[in-house]
Amino acid sequence: MEGEEDKYSFPETINQQGRWFGLPLDELVVIAVPVAFGIVYNMTGVLSILAAFLWWVIRRLKKGQGSYWLINLCYWYLPNLLFNYAFKKLPDSGNRHWMK
């Protein structure tokens, strides 16, 4: 049975998230967007420094928490109009009480 060992990969923990280039998706997006704009507009130096600063801010906000903690933080403290697509099935964060 050659190759059977590599057929499946199991995470070490249940909540181990996927990583691209060694970064979780939320951190990768924060870095990739400014770097892509820097490449397009030939301002890689300035926007790379901005990307590094934004990555540091995201890491400080998470402080060992997962990516879903950051999504929950955005849900509760940012306006609902920004996240209608992500939170379609949930009520507005301003509705603090569930009604039957």
N, C-alpha and C. Protein backbone atom coordinates (compact mmCIF):
# COMPACT_ATOMS: atom_id res chain seq x y z
N MET A 1 0.83 -1.18 0.00
CA MET A 1 0.00 0.00 0.00
C MET A 1 0.88 1.24 0.00
N GLU A 2 1.43 1.52 -1.13
CA GLU A 2 2.31 2.67 -1.24
C GLU A 2 1.49 3.95 -1.37
N GLY A 3 1.89 4.98 -0.64
CA GLY A 3 1.21 6.27 -0.72
C GLY A 3 -0.02 6.38 0.16
N GLU A 4 -0.41 5.30 0.85
CA GLU A 4 -1.59 5.35 1.71
C GLU A 4 -1.38 6.25 2.93
N GLU A 5 -0.13 6.38 3.39
CA GLU A 5 0.14 7.17 4.58
C GLU A 5 -0.12 8.66 4.32
N ASP A 6 0.11 9.11 3.08
CA ASP A 6 -0.03 10.52 2.76
C ASP A 6 -1.42 10.88 2.23
N LYS A 7 -2.32 9.92 2.18
CA LYS A 7 -3.63 10.16 1.59
C LYS A 7 -4.48 11.10 2.43
N TYR A 8 -4.41 10.97 3.74
CA TYR A 8 -5.21 11.79 4.64
C TYR A 8 -4.29 12.58 5.56
N SER A 9 -4.70 13.79 5.87
CA SER A 9 -3.94 14.57 6.85
C SER A 9 -4.91 14.99 7.95
N PHE A 10 -4.52 14.78 9.16
CA PHE A 10 -5.35 15.11 10.30
C PHE A 10 -4.70 16.24 11.08
N PRO A 11 -5.47 17.24 11.49
CA PRO A 11 -4.90 18.32 12.29
C PRO A 11 -4.53 17.82 13.68
N GLU A 12 -3.57 18.50 14.29
CA GLU A 12 -3.16 18.10 15.64
C GLU A 12 -4.26 18.36 16.66
N THR A 13 -5.01 19.44 16.46
CA THR A 13 -6.14 19.75 17.34
C THR A 13 -7.38 19.96 16.50
N ILE A 14 -8.53 19.93 17.12
CA ILE A 14 -9.79 20.10 16.41
C ILE A 14 -9.90 21.49 15.80
N ASN A 15 -9.44 22.50 16.51
CA ASN A 15 -9.61 23.87 16.03
C ASN A 15 -8.40 24.40 15.28
N GLN A 16 -7.55 23.54 14.76
CA GLN A 16 -6.41 23.99 13.98
C GLN A 16 -6.91 24.54 12.65
N GLN A 17 -6.59 25.80 12.38
CA GLN A 17 -7.11 26.44 11.18
C GLN A 17 -6.15 26.29 10.01
N GLY A 18 -6.68 26.45 8.83
CA GLY A 18 -5.85 26.36 7.64
C GLY A 18 -4.92 27.55 7.54
N ARG A 19 -3.77 27.32 6.96
CA ARG A 19 -2.78 28.39 6.81
C ARG A 19 -2.29 28.42 5.38
N TRP A 20 -2.04 29.63 4.89
CA TRP A 20 -1.46 29.85 3.59
C TRP A 20 -0.20 30.66 3.80
N PHE A 21 0.91 30.18 3.27
CA PHE A 21 2.22 30.80 3.44
C PHE A 21 2.55 30.97 4.92
N GLY A 22 2.04 30.09 5.75
CA GLY A 22 2.32 30.12 7.18
C GLY A 22 1.46 31.08 7.98
N LEU A 23 0.49 31.71 7.35
CA LEU A 23 -0.36 32.69 8.03
C LEU A 23 -1.82 32.27 7.97
N PRO A 24 -2.61 32.57 9.02
CA PRO A 24 -4.06 32.37 8.91
C PRO A 24 -4.64 33.32 7.86
N LEU A 25 -5.83 33.03 7.39
CA LEU A 25 -6.42 33.78 6.29
C LEU A 25 -6.60 35.26 6.64
N ASP A 26 -7.03 35.58 7.86
CA ASP A 26 -7.26 36.98 8.20
C ASP A 26 -5.96 37.78 8.19
N GLU A 27 -4.87 37.19 8.63
CA GLU A 27 -3.59 37.89 8.60
C GLU A 27 -3.03 37.98 7.18
N LEU A 28 -3.26 36.95 6.38
CA LEU A 28 -2.78 36.97 5.00
C LEU A 28 -3.47 38.06 4.19
N VAL A 29 -4.76 38.24 4.38
CA VAL A 29 -5.49 39.27 3.65
C VAL A 29 -4.98 40.65 4.03
N VAL A 30 -4.72 40.86 5.33
CA VAL A 30 -4.23 42.15 5.79
C VAL A 30 -2.87 42.47 5.18
N ILE A 31 -2.07 41.47 4.92
CA ILE A 31 -0.76 41.70 4.32
C ILE A 31 -0.86 41.77 2.80
N ALA A 32 -1.64 40.90 2.19
CA ALA A 32 -1.66 40.77 0.73
C ALA A 32 -2.28 41.98 0.03
N VAL A 33 -3.30 42.57 0.61
CA VAL A 33 -3.98 43.69 -0.06
C VAL A 33 -3.05 44.90 -0.21
N PRO A 34 -2.41 45.40 0.87
CA PRO A 34 -1.50 46.54 0.66
C PRO A 34 -0.30 46.20 -0.22
N VAL A 35 0.24 45.00 -0.10
CA VAL A 35 1.38 44.63 -0.93
C VAL A 35 0.96 44.58 -2.41
N ALA A 36 -0.22 44.05 -2.70
CA ALA A 36 -0.70 44.00 -4.09
C ALA A 36 -0.89 45.41 -4.65
N PHE A 37 -1.49 46.31 -3.85
CA PHE A 37 -1.62 47.70 -4.31
C PHE A 37 -0.26 48.35 -4.48
N GLY A 38 0.69 48.02 -3.62
CA GLY A 38 2.04 48.56 -3.75
C GLY A 38 2.71 48.10 -5.03
N ILE A 39 2.49 46.87 -5.41
CA ILE A 39 3.08 46.37 -6.65
C ILE A 39 2.42 47.04 -7.85
N VAL A 40 1.10 47.18 -7.82
CA VAL A 40 0.38 47.78 -8.94
C VAL A 40 0.76 49.25 -9.11
N TYR A 41 0.84 50.00 -8.01
CA TYR A 41 1.10 51.44 -8.09
C TYR A 41 2.57 51.79 -7.86
N ASN A 42 3.45 50.80 -7.86
CA ASN A 42 4.89 51.00 -7.73
C ASN A 42 5.25 51.76 -6.45
N MET A 43 4.61 51.39 -5.35
CA MET A 43 4.88 51.98 -4.03
C MET A 43 5.10 50.87 -3.01
N THR A 44 5.90 49.89 -3.36
CA THR A 44 6.04 48.70 -2.51
C THR A 44 6.64 49.02 -1.16
N GLY A 45 7.55 49.96 -1.08
CA GLY A 45 8.20 50.27 0.19
C GLY A 45 7.23 50.79 1.23
N VAL A 46 6.47 51.81 0.85
CA VAL A 46 5.54 52.45 1.78
C VAL A 46 4.42 51.50 2.16
N LEU A 47 3.83 50.84 1.19
CA LEU A 47 2.70 49.97 1.48
C LEU A 47 3.13 48.67 2.15
N SER A 48 4.36 48.25 1.98
CA SER A 48 4.86 47.08 2.72
C SER A 48 5.02 47.42 4.19
N ILE A 49 5.46 48.62 4.49
CA ILE A 49 5.54 49.06 5.89
C ILE A 49 4.14 49.15 6.48
N LEU A 50 3.17 49.65 5.71
CA LEU A 50 1.78 49.69 6.16
C LEU A 50 1.25 48.29 6.40
N ALA A 51 1.56 47.35 5.51
CA ALA A 51 1.11 45.97 5.67
C ALA A 51 1.70 45.35 6.94
N ALA A 52 2.98 45.62 7.20
CA ALA A 52 3.62 45.09 8.41
C ALA A 52 2.97 45.68 9.65
N PHE A 53 2.65 46.96 9.63
CA PHE A 53 2.00 47.60 10.78
C PHE A 53 0.60 47.02 11.00
N LEU A 54 -0.16 46.85 9.92
CA LEU A 54 -1.50 46.27 10.05
C LEU A 54 -1.45 44.83 10.56
N TRP A 55 -0.46 44.06 10.10
CA TRP A 55 -0.30 42.70 10.59
C TRP A 55 -0.01 42.70 12.08
N TRP A 56 0.85 43.62 12.52
CA TRP A 56 1.17 43.74 13.95
C TRP A 56 -0.07 44.10 14.75
N VAL A 57 -0.91 45.00 14.24
CA VAL A 57 -2.14 45.41 14.93
C VAL A 57 -3.09 44.22 15.06
N ILE A 58 -3.25 43.45 13.98
CA ILE A 58 -4.12 42.27 14.02
C ILE A 58 -3.61 41.26 15.05
N ARG A 59 -2.31 41.03 15.06
CA ARG A 59 -1.72 40.09 16.03
C ARG A 59 -1.95 40.58 17.46
N ARG A 60 -1.83 41.88 17.69
CA ARG A 60 -2.05 42.43 19.03
C ARG A 60 -3.51 42.32 19.43
N LEU A 61 -4.43 42.52 18.49
CA LEU A 61 -5.86 42.40 18.80
C LEU A 61 -6.24 40.97 19.15
N LYS A 62 -5.67 40.03 18.43
CA LYS A 62 -6.01 38.63 18.67
C LYS A 62 -5.40 38.10 19.96
N LYS A 63 -4.19 38.45 20.28
CA LYS A 63 -3.49 38.05 21.52
C LYS A 63 -3.69 36.58 21.85
N GLY A 64 -3.37 35.71 20.93
CA GLY A 64 -3.47 34.28 21.18
C GLY A 64 -4.85 33.70 20.92
N GLN A 65 -5.82 34.52 20.57
CA GLN A 65 -7.16 34.05 20.23
C GLN A 65 -7.15 33.60 18.78
N GLY A 66 -8.20 32.92 18.37
CA GLY A 66 -8.29 32.47 16.99
C GLY A 66 -8.88 33.52 16.07
N SER A 67 -8.98 33.19 14.80
CA SER A 67 -9.53 34.12 13.82
C SER A 67 -11.01 34.36 14.06
N TYR A 68 -11.73 33.36 14.55
CA TYR A 68 -13.15 33.55 14.79
C TYR A 68 -13.40 34.53 15.92
N TRP A 69 -12.47 34.69 16.84
CA TRP A 69 -12.61 35.68 17.89
C TRP A 69 -12.61 37.07 17.28
N LEU A 70 -11.78 37.29 16.28
CA LEU A 70 -11.72 38.58 15.61
C LEU A 70 -13.01 38.85 14.84
N ILE A 71 -13.58 37.83 14.22
CA ILE A 71 -14.86 37.99 13.52
C ILE A 71 -15.96 38.34 14.50
N ASN A 72 -15.97 37.68 15.65
CA ASN A 72 -16.96 38.01 16.68
C ASN A 72 -16.80 39.43 17.19
N LEU A 73 -15.57 39.88 17.35
CA LEU A 73 -15.30 41.25 17.77
C LEU A 73 -15.86 42.24 16.76
N CYS A 74 -15.64 41.96 15.49
CA CYS A 74 -16.18 42.82 14.43
C CYS A 74 -17.71 42.82 14.45
N TYR A 75 -18.31 41.68 14.68
CA TYR A 75 -19.77 41.58 14.71
C TYR A 75 -20.36 42.46 15.81
N TRP A 76 -19.77 42.45 16.98
CA TRP A 76 -20.35 43.17 18.10
C TRP A 76 -20.04 44.65 18.11
N TYR A 77 -18.92 45.08 17.54
CA TYR A 77 -18.50 46.47 17.71
C TYR A 77 -18.48 47.30 16.44
N LEU A 78 -18.62 46.72 15.27
CA LEU A 78 -18.66 47.50 14.04
C LEU A 78 -20.10 47.58 13.53
N PRO A 79 -20.42 48.58 12.71
CA PRO A 79 -21.80 48.72 12.20
C PRO A 79 -22.22 47.50 11.38
N ASN A 80 -23.49 47.19 11.44
CA ASN A 80 -24.03 46.01 10.78
C ASN A 80 -23.96 46.11 9.27
N LEU A 81 -24.01 47.31 8.72
CA LEU A 81 -23.98 47.46 7.27
C LEU A 81 -22.68 46.94 6.65
N LEU A 82 -21.60 46.91 7.42
CA LEU A 82 -20.33 46.42 6.91
C LEU A 82 -20.29 44.91 6.76
N PHE A 83 -21.12 44.19 7.53
CA PHE A 83 -21.02 42.73 7.58
C PHE A 83 -22.33 42.02 7.28
N ASN A 84 -23.19 42.62 6.48
CA ASN A 84 -24.45 41.96 6.12
C ASN A 84 -24.20 40.66 5.37
N TYR A 85 -23.18 40.61 4.54
CA TYR A 85 -22.90 39.39 3.77
C TYR A 85 -22.40 38.27 4.67
N ALA A 86 -21.54 38.58 5.63
CA ALA A 86 -20.95 37.55 6.48
C ALA A 86 -21.93 37.03 7.51
N PHE A 87 -22.84 37.87 7.96
CA PHE A 87 -23.74 37.49 9.05
C PHE A 87 -25.20 37.54 8.59
N LYS A 88 -25.52 36.81 7.52
CA LYS A 88 -26.88 36.83 6.98
C LYS A 88 -27.90 36.23 7.93
N LYS A 89 -27.54 35.15 8.60
CA LYS A 89 -28.52 34.41 9.39
C LYS A 89 -28.60 34.88 10.83
N LEU A 90 -27.76 35.80 11.21
CA LEU A 90 -27.77 36.31 12.58
C LEU A 90 -28.49 37.64 12.64
N PRO A 91 -29.14 37.94 13.76
CA PRO A 91 -29.77 39.25 13.89
C PRO A 91 -28.72 40.34 14.06
N ASP A 92 -29.14 41.57 13.96
CA ASP A 92 -28.22 42.69 14.17
C ASP A 92 -27.63 42.61 15.57
N SER A 93 -26.41 43.07 15.73
CA SER A 93 -25.77 43.01 17.04
C SER A 93 -26.45 43.95 18.03
N GLY A 94 -27.22 44.93 17.53
CA GLY A 94 -27.95 45.82 18.43
C GLY A 94 -29.11 45.12 19.12
N ASN A 95 -29.63 44.02 18.55
CA ASN A 95 -30.70 43.26 19.19
C ASN A 95 -30.07 42.30 20.20
N ARG A 96 -30.01 42.72 21.44
CA ARG A 96 -29.31 41.95 22.45
C ARG A 96 -30.14 40.81 23.04
N HIS A 97 -31.45 40.84 22.80
CA HIS A 97 -32.31 39.81 23.39
C HIS A 97 -32.97 38.99 22.26
N TRP A 98 -32.96 37.67 22.42
CA TRP A 98 -33.62 36.80 21.45
C TRP A 98 -35.11 36.77 21.74
N MET A 99 -35.91 36.88 20.71
CA MET A 99 -37.37 36.85 20.89
C MET A 99 -37.90 35.59 20.24
N LYS A 100 -38.98 35.06 20.80
CA LYS A 100 -39.58 33.83 20.26
C LYS A 100 -40.56 34.14 19.17
